[in-house]
């Protein structure tokens, strides 16, 4: 199954799960820890691009996009570092996903966010 098709299935489900069962439980159900991970930035960028193409047609948050990309990367034993950060003045939250030296979701915004 292609990354685009997987994203089309996972993105709405993840967005609904975040609203229904919360962040912690969604992360526990969606993300798995793989013992051996590798870095393949071109492959990670291709997977992220597929998810972002699907996300244009939905109201998926940066967190939902990051979770879906992390899940698709982990299926291929690719490294994924999901970070959730907050800004206090005004209060905002943002999530981003890194793979190697590449930010594949939630590009670093101008505002400073403190990672949780």
Protein backbone atom coordinates (compact mmCIF):
# COMPACT_ATOMS: atom_id res chain seq x y z
CA UNK A 1 0.00 0.00 0.00
CA UNK A 2 1.40 3.42 -0.92
CA UNK A 3 2.25 6.09 1.64
CA UNK A 4 -0.43 8.36 0.14
CA UNK A 5 -3.14 5.73 0.59
CA UNK A 6 -1.98 4.95 4.13
CA UNK A 7 -2.02 8.69 4.91
CA UNK A 8 -5.55 9.03 3.51
CA UNK A 9 -6.67 6.33 5.95
CA UNK A 10 -4.59 7.29 8.98
CA UNK A 11 -4.91 11.08 8.97
CA UNK A 12 -8.68 11.35 9.58
CA UNK A 13 -8.53 8.47 12.07
CA UNK A 14 -5.68 10.11 14.00
CA UNK A 15 -7.43 13.49 14.06
CA UNK A 16 -10.59 11.87 15.42
CA UNK A 17 -8.62 9.84 17.98
CA UNK A 18 -6.86 12.96 19.28
CA UNK A 19 -10.25 14.58 19.90
CA UNK A 20 -11.92 11.46 21.32
CA UNK A 21 -9.26 9.80 23.48
CA UNK A 22 -6.58 12.47 23.88
CA UNK A 23 -2.93 12.87 23.03
CA UNK A 24 -1.40 10.32 25.40
CA UNK A 25 -3.66 7.43 24.43
CA UNK A 26 -3.46 8.27 20.71
CA UNK A 27 0.34 8.28 20.87
CA UNK A 28 0.34 4.96 22.74
CA UNK A 29 -1.88 3.34 20.11
CA UNK A 30 -0.29 4.87 17.01
CA UNK A 31 3.42 4.86 17.72
CA UNK A 32 5.61 1.85 18.26
CA UNK A 33 9.21 1.76 19.32
CA UNK A 34 11.50 -0.02 16.91
CA UNK A 35 14.84 -1.28 18.13
CA UNK A 36 16.88 -0.68 15.03
CA UNK A 37 16.32 2.60 13.29
CA UNK A 38 18.07 4.09 10.34
CA UNK A 39 18.20 7.45 8.61
CA UNK A 40 17.05 7.76 5.01
CA UNK A 41 16.22 11.42 4.45
CA UNK A 42 15.00 11.08 0.83
CA UNK A 43 12.56 8.31 1.83
CA UNK A 44 11.40 10.25 4.91
CA UNK A 45 10.84 13.36 2.77
CA UNK A 46 8.78 11.32 0.29
CA UNK A 47 6.61 9.88 3.06
CA UNK A 48 6.13 13.34 4.60
CA UNK A 49 5.21 14.81 1.21
CA UNK A 50 2.52 12.12 0.78
CA UNK A 51 1.01 12.96 4.18
CA UNK A 52 1.12 16.71 3.49
CA UNK A 53 -0.65 16.16 0.13
CA UNK A 54 -3.52 14.43 1.94
CA UNK A 55 -3.50 16.98 4.80
CA UNK A 56 -4.32 19.78 2.35
CA UNK A 57 -7.82 18.32 2.08
CA UNK A 58 -8.43 18.11 5.81
CA UNK A 59 -8.07 20.19 8.92
CA UNK A 60 -5.42 17.93 10.36
CA UNK A 61 -3.35 19.59 13.06
CA UNK A 62 0.42 19.66 13.11
CA UNK A 63 0.23 16.98 15.83
CA UNK A 64 -1.95 14.67 13.74
CA UNK A 65 0.35 15.08 10.74
CA UNK A 66 3.40 14.42 12.89
CA UNK A 67 1.90 11.28 14.41
CA UNK A 68 0.93 9.86 11.02
CA UNK A 69 4.35 10.58 9.52
CA UNK A 70 6.06 9.06 12.58
CA UNK A 71 3.93 5.94 12.25
CA UNK A 72 4.72 5.56 8.56
CA UNK A 73 8.43 6.11 9.21
CA UNK A 74 8.48 3.57 12.04
CA UNK A 75 6.87 0.96 9.76
CA UNK A 76 10.04 1.22 7.67
CA UNK A 77 12.37 1.31 10.71
CA UNK A 78 13.18 4.95 10.02
CA UNK A 79 14.04 7.35 12.83
CA UNK A 80 11.31 9.75 13.95
CA UNK A 81 11.53 12.29 16.77
CA UNK A 82 8.16 13.88 17.56
CA UNK A 83 8.37 17.00 19.72
CA UNK A 84 5.52 18.98 21.24
CA UNK A 85 6.35 22.49 22.38
CA UNK A 86 4.51 25.38 23.99
CA UNK A 87 4.75 29.16 23.95
CA UNK A 88 3.30 31.05 26.90
CA UNK A 89 2.80 34.59 25.59
CA UNK A 90 0.30 34.04 24.04
CA UNK A 91 -0.26 30.38 24.86
CA UNK A 92 0.15 28.20 21.80
CA UNK A 93 1.25 24.65 21.19
CA UNK A 94 3.05 23.25 18.17
CA UNK A 95 4.32 19.83 17.15
CA UNK A 96 7.13 18.98 14.78
CA UNK A 97 8.80 15.80 13.61
CA UNK A 98 12.47 15.38 12.82
CA UNK A 99 14.27 12.66 10.93
CA UNK A 100 18.04 12.92 10.91
CA UNK A 101 18.77 16.58 10.21
CA UNK A 102 15.48 17.06 8.36
CA UNK A 103 12.28 18.56 9.83
CA UNK A 104 9.59 16.58 8.00
CA UNK A 105 6.48 17.96 9.72
CA UNK A 106 5.62 21.20 11.46
CA UNK A 107 8.46 23.27 10.09
CA UNK A 108 10.23 25.27 12.76
CA UNK A 109 8.17 28.43 13.21
CA UNK A 110 9.54 31.88 13.96
CA UNK A 111 8.07 31.72 17.47
CA UNK A 112 10.11 30.02 20.18
CA UNK A 113 8.48 26.91 21.60
CA UNK A 114 9.70 25.16 24.73
CA UNK A 115 9.65 21.38 24.22
CA UNK A 116 7.55 19.44 26.73
